[in-house]
């Protein structure tokens, strides 16, 4: 049996991708610091939970939009 050669993506990260990864990591680490600030500013706990729920829904909507675009434009790059 002849097996086709494995296809792999090139392991290259350019300056723009590296910058995007760095910025995403810095912003993503903010999730560990912002709950305290939101809880301090919210007049009651329900508002704090509502804020995080709305943020989660917006994040989910953004992820679904990216998934839809990825299925319409499936070519890498």
PDB file of N, CA and C in Angstrom:
ATOM      1  N   UNK A   1       0.831  -1.194   0.000  1.00  0.00           N
ATOM      2  CA  UNK A   1       0.000   0.000   0.000  1.00  0.00           C
ATOM      3  C   UNK A   1       0.867   1.247   0.000  1.00  0.00           C
ATOM      4  N   UNK A   2       0.584   2.111  -0.913  1.00  0.00           N
ATOM      5  CA  UNK A   2       1.290   3.384  -0.953  1.00  0.00           C
ATOM      6  C   UNK A   2       0.493   4.417  -0.172  1.00  0.00           C
ATOM      7  N   UNK A   3       1.154   5.042   0.761  1.00  0.00           N
ATOM      8  CA  UNK A   3       0.516   6.102   1.545  1.00  0.00           C
ATOM      9  C   UNK A   3       0.965   7.437   0.986  1.00  0.00           C
ATOM     10  N   UNK A   4       0.046   8.381   0.845  1.00  0.00           N
ATOM     11  CA  UNK A   4       0.454   9.705   0.358  1.00  0.00           C
ATOM     12  C   UNK A   4       1.338  10.384   1.399  1.00  0.00           C
ATOM     13  N   UNK A   5       2.249  11.229   0.944  1.00  0.00           N
ATOM     14  CA  UNK A   5       3.109  11.926   1.907  1.00  0.00           C
ATOM     15  C   UNK A   5       2.275  12.836   2.804  1.00  0.00           C
ATOM     16  N   UNK A   6       2.639  12.939   4.061  1.00  0.00           N
ATOM     17  CA  UNK A   6       1.861  13.803   4.969  1.00  0.00           C
ATOM     18  C   UNK A   6       1.996  15.264   4.556  1.00  0.00           C
ATOM     19  N   UNK A   7       0.913  15.960   4.653  1.00  0.00           N
ATOM     20  CA  UNK A   7       0.931  17.391   4.353  1.00  0.00           C
ATOM     21  C   UNK A   7       0.901  18.158   5.668  1.00  0.00           C
ATOM     22  N   UNK A   8       1.750  19.128   5.767  1.00  0.00           N
ATOM     23  CA  UNK A   8       1.811  19.947   6.975  1.00  0.00           C
ATOM     24  C   UNK A   8       1.838  21.412   6.588  1.00  0.00           C
ATOM     25  N   UNK A   9       1.379  22.206   7.486  1.00  0.00           N
ATOM     26  CA  UNK A   9       1.459  23.653   7.297  1.00  0.00           C
ATOM     27  C   UNK A   9       2.856  24.122   7.661  1.00  0.00           C
ATOM     28  N   UNK A  10       3.353  25.140   7.003  1.00  0.00           N
ATOM     29  CA  UNK A  10       4.692  25.640   7.363  1.00  0.00           C
ATOM     30  C   UNK A  10       4.678  26.222   8.771  1.00  0.00           C
ATOM     31  N   UNK A  11       5.730  26.002   9.516  1.00  0.00           N
ATOM     32  CA  UNK A  11       5.841  26.505  10.892  1.00  0.00           C
ATOM     33  C   UNK A  11       6.517  27.870  10.858  1.00  0.00           C
ATOM     34  N   UNK A  12       5.745  28.868  10.464  1.00  0.00           N
ATOM     35  CA  UNK A  12       6.279  30.215  10.317  1.00  0.00           C
ATOM     36  C   UNK A  12       5.346  31.188  11.034  1.00  0.00           C
ATOM     37  N   UNK A  13       5.907  31.976  11.900  1.00  0.00           N
ATOM     38  CA  UNK A  13       5.154  33.045  12.544  1.00  0.00           C
ATOM     39  C   UNK A  13       5.862  34.343  12.200  1.00  0.00           C
ATOM     40  N   UNK A  14       5.158  35.199  11.506  1.00  0.00           N
ATOM     41  CA  UNK A  14       5.722  36.482  11.121  1.00  0.00           C
ATOM     42  C   UNK A  14       5.555  37.514  12.224  1.00  0.00           C
ATOM     43  N   UNK A  15       6.040  38.721  11.979  1.00  0.00           N
ATOM     44  CA  UNK A  15       5.941  39.758  13.009  1.00  0.00           C
ATOM     45  C   UNK A  15       4.504  40.145  13.344  1.00  0.00           C
ATOM     46  N   UNK A  16       3.611  40.142  12.350  1.00  0.00           N
ATOM     47  CA  UNK A  16       2.220  40.504  12.628  1.00  0.00           C
ATOM     48  C   UNK A  16       1.537  39.438  13.477  1.00  0.00           C
ATOM     49  N   UNK A  17       1.775  38.180  13.151  1.00  0.00           N
ATOM     50  CA  UNK A  17       1.167  37.094  13.925  1.00  0.00           C
ATOM     51  C   UNK A  17       1.724  37.068  15.349  1.00  0.00           C
ATOM     52  N   UNK A  18       3.027  37.277  15.476  1.00  0.00           N
ATOM     53  CA  UNK A  18       3.631  37.292  16.813  1.00  0.00           C
ATOM     54  C   UNK A  18       3.071  38.444  17.645  1.00  0.00           C
ATOM     55  N   UNK A  19       2.881  39.602  17.024  1.00  0.00           N
ATOM     56  CA  UNK A  19       2.307  40.748  17.727  1.00  0.00           C
ATOM     57  C   UNK A  19       0.869  40.454  18.145  1.00  0.00           C
ATOM     58  N   UNK A  20       0.095  39.835  17.262  1.00  0.00           N
ATOM     59  CA  UNK A  20      -1.293  39.500  17.582  1.00  0.00           C
ATOM     60  C   UNK A  20      -1.364  38.496  18.736  1.00  0.00           C
ATOM     61  N   UNK A  21      -0.472  37.520  18.739  1.00  0.00           N
ATOM     62  CA  UNK A  21      -0.445  36.540  19.830  1.00  0.00           C
ATOM     63  C   UNK A  21      -0.083  37.222  21.142  1.00  0.00           C
ATOM     64  N   UNK A  22       0.896  38.097  21.106  1.00  0.00           N
ATOM     65  CA  UNK A  22       1.318  38.808  22.310  1.00  0.00           C
ATOM     66  C   UNK A  22       0.186  39.681  22.864  1.00  0.00           C
ATOM     67  N   UNK A  23      -0.456  40.448  22.002  1.00  0.00           N
ATOM     68  CA  UNK A  23      -1.547  41.323  22.440  1.00  0.00           C
ATOM     69  C   UNK A  23      -2.712  40.493  22.975  1.00  0.00           C
ATOM     70  N   UNK A  24      -3.037  39.395  22.293  1.00  0.00           N
ATOM     71  CA  UNK A  24      -4.118  38.528  22.765  1.00  0.00           C
ATOM     72  C   UNK A  24      -3.826  37.933  24.124  1.00  0.00           C
ATOM     73  N   UNK A  25      -2.569  37.585  24.361  1.00  0.00           N
ATOM     74  CA  UNK A  25      -2.186  37.029  25.659  1.00  0.00           C
ATOM     75  C   UNK A  25      -2.302  38.076  26.756  1.00  0.00           C
ATOM     76  N   UNK A  26      -1.869  39.286  26.478  1.00  0.00           N
ATOM     77  CA  UNK A  26      -1.940  40.360  27.476  1.00  0.00           C
ATOM     78  C   UNK A  26      -3.397  40.699  27.786  1.00  0.00           C
ATOM     79  N   UNK A  27      -4.211  40.821  26.754  1.00  0.00           N
ATOM     80  CA  UNK A  27      -5.618  41.143  26.978  1.00  0.00           C
ATOM     81  C   UNK A  27      -6.323  39.973  27.654  1.00  0.00           C
ATOM     82  N   UNK A  28      -5.996  38.748  27.241  1.00  0.00           N
ATOM     83  CA  UNK A  28      -6.618  37.563  27.837  1.00  0.00           C
ATOM     84  C   UNK A  28      -6.296  37.406  29.305  1.00  0.00           C
ATOM     85  N   UNK A  29      -5.113  37.835  29.718  1.00  0.00           N
ATOM     86  CA  UNK A  29      -4.767  37.721  31.133  1.00  0.00           C
ATOM     87  C   UNK A  29      -5.565  38.708  31.980  1.00  0.00           C
ATOM     88  N   UNK A  30      -6.167  39.703  31.360  1.00  0.00           N
ATOM     89  CA  UNK A  30      -6.992  40.666  32.086  1.00  0.00           C
ATOM     90  C   UNK A  30      -8.227  40.052  32.710  1.00  0.00           C
ATOM     91  N   UNK A  31      -8.633  38.862  32.225  1.00  0.00           N
ATOM     92  CA  UNK A  31      -9.807  38.207  32.775  1.00  0.00           C
ATOM     93  C   UNK A  31      -9.593  37.843  34.245  1.00  0.00           C
ATOM     94  N   UNK A  32      -8.353  37.756  34.678  1.00  0.00           N
ATOM     95  CA  UNK A  32      -8.085  37.431  36.069  1.00  0.00           C
ATOM     96  C   UNK A  32      -8.118  38.665  36.972  1.00  0.00           C
ATOM     97  N   UNK A  33      -8.076  39.857  36.394  1.00  0.00           N
ATOM     98  CA  UNK A  33      -8.036  41.083  37.198  1.00  0.00           C
ATOM     99  C   UNK A  33      -9.339  41.869  37.151  1.00  0.00           C
ATOM    100  N   UNK A  34     -10.081  41.811  36.053  1.00  0.00           N
ATOM    101  CA  UNK A  34     -11.272  42.646  35.918  1.00  0.00           C
ATOM    102  C   UNK A  34     -12.465  42.230  36.764  1.00  0.00           C
ATOM    103  N   UNK A  35     -12.668  40.969  37.146  1.00  0.00           N
ATOM    104  CA  UNK A  35     -13.859  40.663  37.955  1.00  0.00           C
ATOM    105  C   UNK A  35     -13.918  41.450  39.254  1.00  0.00           C
ATOM    106  N   UNK A  36     -12.784  41.663  39.872  1.00  0.00           N
ATOM    107  CA  UNK A  36     -12.760  42.418  41.125  1.00  0.00           C
ATOM    108  C   UNK A  36     -13.220  43.860  40.883  1.00  0.00           C
ATOM    109  N   UNK A  37     -12.758  44.453  39.789  1.00  0.00           N
ATOM    110  CA  UNK A  37     -13.134  45.842  39.495  1.00  0.00           C
ATOM    111  C   UNK A  37     -14.629  45.951  39.181  1.00  0.00           C
ATOM    112  N   UNK A  38     -15.152  45.019  38.411  1.00  0.00           N
ATOM    113  CA  UNK A  38     -16.580  45.056  38.074  1.00  0.00           C
ATOM    114  C   UNK A  38     -17.424  44.831  39.318  1.00  0.00           C
ATOM    115  N   UNK A  39     -17.036  43.891  40.155  1.00  0.00           N
ATOM    116  CA  UNK A  39     -17.792  43.635  41.387  1.00  0.00           C
ATOM    117  C   UNK A  39     -17.765  44.844  42.311  1.00  0.00           C
ATOM    118  N   UNK A  40     -16.666  45.578  42.308  1.00  0.00           N
ATOM    119  CA  UNK A  40     -16.565  46.765  43.167  1.00  0.00           C
ATOM    120  C   UNK A  40     -17.472  47.885  42.655  1.00  0.00           C
ATOM    121  N   UNK A  41     -17.590  48.022  41.332  1.00  0.00           N
ATOM    122  CA  UNK A  41     -18.380  49.113  40.754  1.00  0.00           C
ATOM    123  C   UNK A  41     -19.875  48.795  40.666  1.00  0.00           C
ATOM    124  N   UNK A  42     -20.248  47.522  40.638  1.00  0.00           N
ATOM    125  CA  UNK A  42     -21.658  47.154  40.511  1.00  0.00           C
ATOM    126  C   UNK A  42     -22.365  47.388  41.847  1.00  0.00           C
ATOM    127  N   UNK A  43     -23.539  48.020  41.813  1.00  0.00           N
ATOM    128  CA  UNK A  43     -24.241  48.290  43.066  1.00  0.00           C
ATOM    129  C   UNK A  43     -24.792  47.024  43.734  1.00  0.00           C
ATOM    130  N   UNK A  44     -25.054  45.968  42.970  1.00  0.00           N
ATOM    131  CA  UNK A  44     -25.491  44.702  43.556  1.00  0.00           C
ATOM    132  C   UNK A  44     -24.975  43.544  42.704  1.00  0.00           C
ATOM    133  N   UNK A  45     -24.951  42.366  43.282  1.00  0.00           N
ATOM    134  CA  UNK A  45     -24.298  41.228  42.630  1.00  0.00           C
ATOM    135  C   UNK A  45     -24.998  40.794  41.348  1.00  0.00           C
ATOM    136  N   UNK A  46     -26.289  40.972  41.251  1.00  0.00           N
ATOM    137  CA  UNK A  46     -27.017  40.595  40.039  1.00  0.00           C
ATOM    138  C   UNK A  46     -26.532  41.362  38.823  1.00  0.00           C
ATOM    139  N   UNK A  47     -26.212  42.636  39.013  1.00  0.00           N
ATOM    140  CA  UNK A  47     -25.710  43.445  37.906  1.00  0.00           C
ATOM    141  C   UNK A  47     -24.336  42.962  37.458  1.00  0.00           C
ATOM    142  N   UNK A  48     -23.525  42.532  38.397  1.00  0.00           N
ATOM    143  CA  UNK A  48     -22.211  41.986  38.065  1.00  0.00           C
ATOM    144  C   UNK A  48     -22.358  40.716  37.225  1.00  0.00           C
ATOM    145  N   UNK A  49     -23.248  39.838  37.631  1.00  0.00           N
ATOM    146  CA  UNK A  49     -23.477  38.605  36.880  1.00  0.00           C
ATOM    147  C   UNK A  49     -24.072  38.888  35.511  1.00  0.00           C
ATOM    148  N   UNK A  50     -24.971  39.863  35.428  1.00  0.00           N
ATOM    149  CA  UNK A  50     -25.552  40.245  34.144  1.00  0.00           C
ATOM    150  C   UNK A  50     -24.489  40.779  33.197  1.00  0.00           C
ATOM    151  N   UNK A  51     -23.564  41.579  33.731  1.00  0.00           N
ATOM    152  CA  UNK A  51     -22.476  42.109  32.913  1.00  0.00           C
ATOM    153  C   UNK A  51     -21.637  40.988  32.327  1.00  0.00           C
ATOM    154  N   UNK A  52     -21.293  40.002  33.132  1.00  0.00           N
ATOM    155  CA  UNK A  52     -20.474  38.884  32.640  1.00  0.00           C
ATOM    156  C   UNK A  52     -21.261  38.015  31.675  1.00  0.00           C
ATOM    157  N   UNK A  53     -22.559  37.843  31.898  1.00  0.00           N
ATOM    158  CA  UNK A  53     -23.380  37.053  30.974  1.00  0.00           C
ATOM    159  C   UNK A  53     -23.469  37.737  29.615  1.00  0.00           C
ATOM    160  N   UNK A  54     -23.684  39.043  29.608  1.00  0.00           N
ATOM    161  CA  UNK A  54     -23.737  39.771  28.339  1.00  0.00           C
ATOM    162  C   UNK A  54     -22.388  39.729  27.617  1.00  0.00           C
ATOM    163  N   UNK A  55     -21.316  39.854  28.363  1.00  0.00           N
ATOM    164  CA  UNK A  55     -19.989  39.742  27.756  1.00  0.00           C
ATOM    165  C   UNK A  55     -19.765  38.362  27.150  1.00  0.00           C
ATOM    166  N   UNK A  56     -20.235  37.334  27.836  1.00  0.00           N
ATOM    167  CA  UNK A  56     -20.122  35.974  27.314  1.00  0.00           C
ATOM    168  C   UNK A  56     -20.943  35.775  26.048  1.00  0.00           C
ATOM    169  N   UNK A  57     -22.143  36.350  26.008  1.00  0.00           N
ATOM    170  CA  UNK A  57     -22.976  36.246  24.810  1.00  0.00           C
ATOM    171  C   UNK A  57     -22.346  36.977  23.626  1.00  0.00           C
ATOM    172  N   UNK A  58     -21.764  38.140  23.880  1.00  0.00           N
ATOM    173  CA  UNK A  58     -21.082  38.858  22.801  1.00  0.00           C
ATOM    174  C   UNK A  58     -19.871  38.071  22.300  1.00  0.00           C
ATOM    175  N   UNK A  59     -19.144  37.448  23.205  1.00  0.00           N
ATOM    176  CA  UNK A  59     -18.002  36.632  22.811  1.00  0.00           C
ATOM    177  C   UNK A  59     -18.456  35.428  22.000  1.00  0.00           C
ATOM    178  N   UNK A  60     -19.533  34.783  22.419  1.00  0.00           N
ATOM    179  CA  UNK A  60     -20.069  33.649  21.677  1.00  0.00           C
ATOM    180  C   UNK A  60     -20.511  34.077  20.281  1.00  0.00           C
ATOM    181  N   UNK A  61     -21.183  35.226  20.182  1.00  0.00           N
ATOM    182  CA  UNK A  61     -21.612  35.717  18.873  1.00  0.00           C
ATOM    183  C   UNK A  61     -20.403  35.973  17.969  1.00  0.00           C
ATOM    184  N   UNK A  62     -19.353  36.562  18.521  1.00  0.00           N
ATOM    185  CA  UNK A  62     -18.147  36.799  17.728  1.00  0.00           C
ATOM    186  C   UNK A  62     -17.508  35.501  17.269  1.00  0.00           C
ATOM    187  N   UNK A  63     -17.459  34.495  18.135  1.00  0.00           N
ATOM    188  CA  UNK A  63     -16.882  33.203  17.756  1.00  0.00           C
ATOM    189  C   UNK A  63     -17.713  32.534  16.663  1.00  0.00           C
ATOM    190  N   UNK A  64     -19.030  32.624  16.754  1.00  0.00           N
ATOM    191  CA  UNK A  64     -19.881  32.035  15.731  1.00  0.00           C
ATOM    192  C   UNK A  64     -19.736  32.759  14.396  1.00  0.00           C
ATOM    193  N   UNK A  65     -19.549  34.067  14.441  1.00  0.00           N
ATOM    194  CA  UNK A  65     -19.333  34.828  13.208  1.00  0.00           C
ATOM    195  C   UNK A  65     -18.025  34.405  12.553  1.00  0.00           C
ATOM    196  N   UNK A  66     -16.959  34.271  13.345  1.00  0.00           N
ATOM    197  CA  UNK A  66     -15.683  33.810  12.795  1.00  0.00           C
ATOM    198  C   UNK A  66     -15.815  32.399  12.219  1.00  0.00           C
ATOM    199  N   UNK A  67     -16.568  31.535  12.881  1.00  0.00           N
ATOM    200  CA  UNK A  67     -16.766  30.181  12.378  1.00  0.00           C
ATOM    201  C   UNK A  67     -17.515  30.201  11.046  1.00  0.00           C
ATOM    202  N   UNK A  68     -18.496  31.058  10.927  1.00  0.00           N
ATOM    203  CA  UNK A  68     -19.251  31.180   9.678  1.00  0.00           C
ATOM    204  C   UNK A  68     -18.363  31.689   8.551  1.00  0.00           C
ATOM    205  N   UNK A  69     -17.551  32.679   8.840  1.00  0.00           N
ATOM    206  CA  UNK A  69     -16.632  33.207   7.820  1.00  0.00           C
ATOM    207  C   UNK A  69     -15.624  32.133   7.426  1.00  0.00           C
ATOM    208  N   UNK A  70     -15.156  31.348   8.395  1.00  0.00           N
ATOM    209  CA  UNK A  70     -14.184  30.295   8.086  1.00  0.00           C
ATOM    210  C   UNK A  70     -14.784  29.214   7.197  1.00  0.00           C
ATOM    211  N   UNK A  71     -16.072  28.948   7.336  1.00  0.00           N
ATOM    212  CA  UNK A  71     -16.689  27.940   6.465  1.00  0.00           C
ATOM    213  C   UNK A  71     -16.958  28.491   5.065  1.00  0.00           C
ATOM    214  N   UNK A  72     -17.177  29.788   4.956  1.00  0.00           N
ATOM    215  CA  UNK A  72     -17.408  30.389   3.646  1.00  0.00           C
ATOM    216  C   UNK A  72     -16.089  30.545   2.889  1.00  0.00           C
ATOM    217  N   UNK A  73     -15.013  30.866   3.611  1.00  0.00           N
ATOM    218  CA  UNK A  73     -13.686  31.056   3.019  1.00  0.00           C
ATOM    219  C   UNK A  73     -12.729  30.028   3.611  1.00  0.00           C
ATOM    220  N   UNK A  74     -12.767  28.777   3.139  1.00  0.00           N
ATOM    221  CA  UNK A  74     -12.002  27.723   3.804  1.00  0.00           C
ATOM    222  C   UNK A  74     -10.510  27.678   3.501  1.00  0.00           C
ATOM    223  N   UNK A  75     -10.015  28.480   2.596  1.00  0.00           N
ATOM    224  CA  UNK A  75      -8.604  28.415   2.226  1.00  0.00           C
ATOM    225  C   UNK A  75      -7.732  29.073   3.286  1.00  0.00           C
ATOM    226  N   UNK A  76      -6.640  28.413   3.711  1.00  0.00           N
ATOM    227  CA  UNK A  76      -5.774  29.022   4.727  1.00  0.00           C
ATOM    228  C   UNK A  76      -5.038  30.230   4.177  1.00  0.00           C
ATOM    229  N   UNK A  77      -4.774  31.166   5.065  1.00  0.00           N
ATOM    230  CA  UNK A  77      -4.020  32.342   4.658  1.00  0.00           C
ATOM    231  C   UNK A  77      -4.915  33.403   4.253  1.00  0.00           C
TER     232      UNK A  77
END
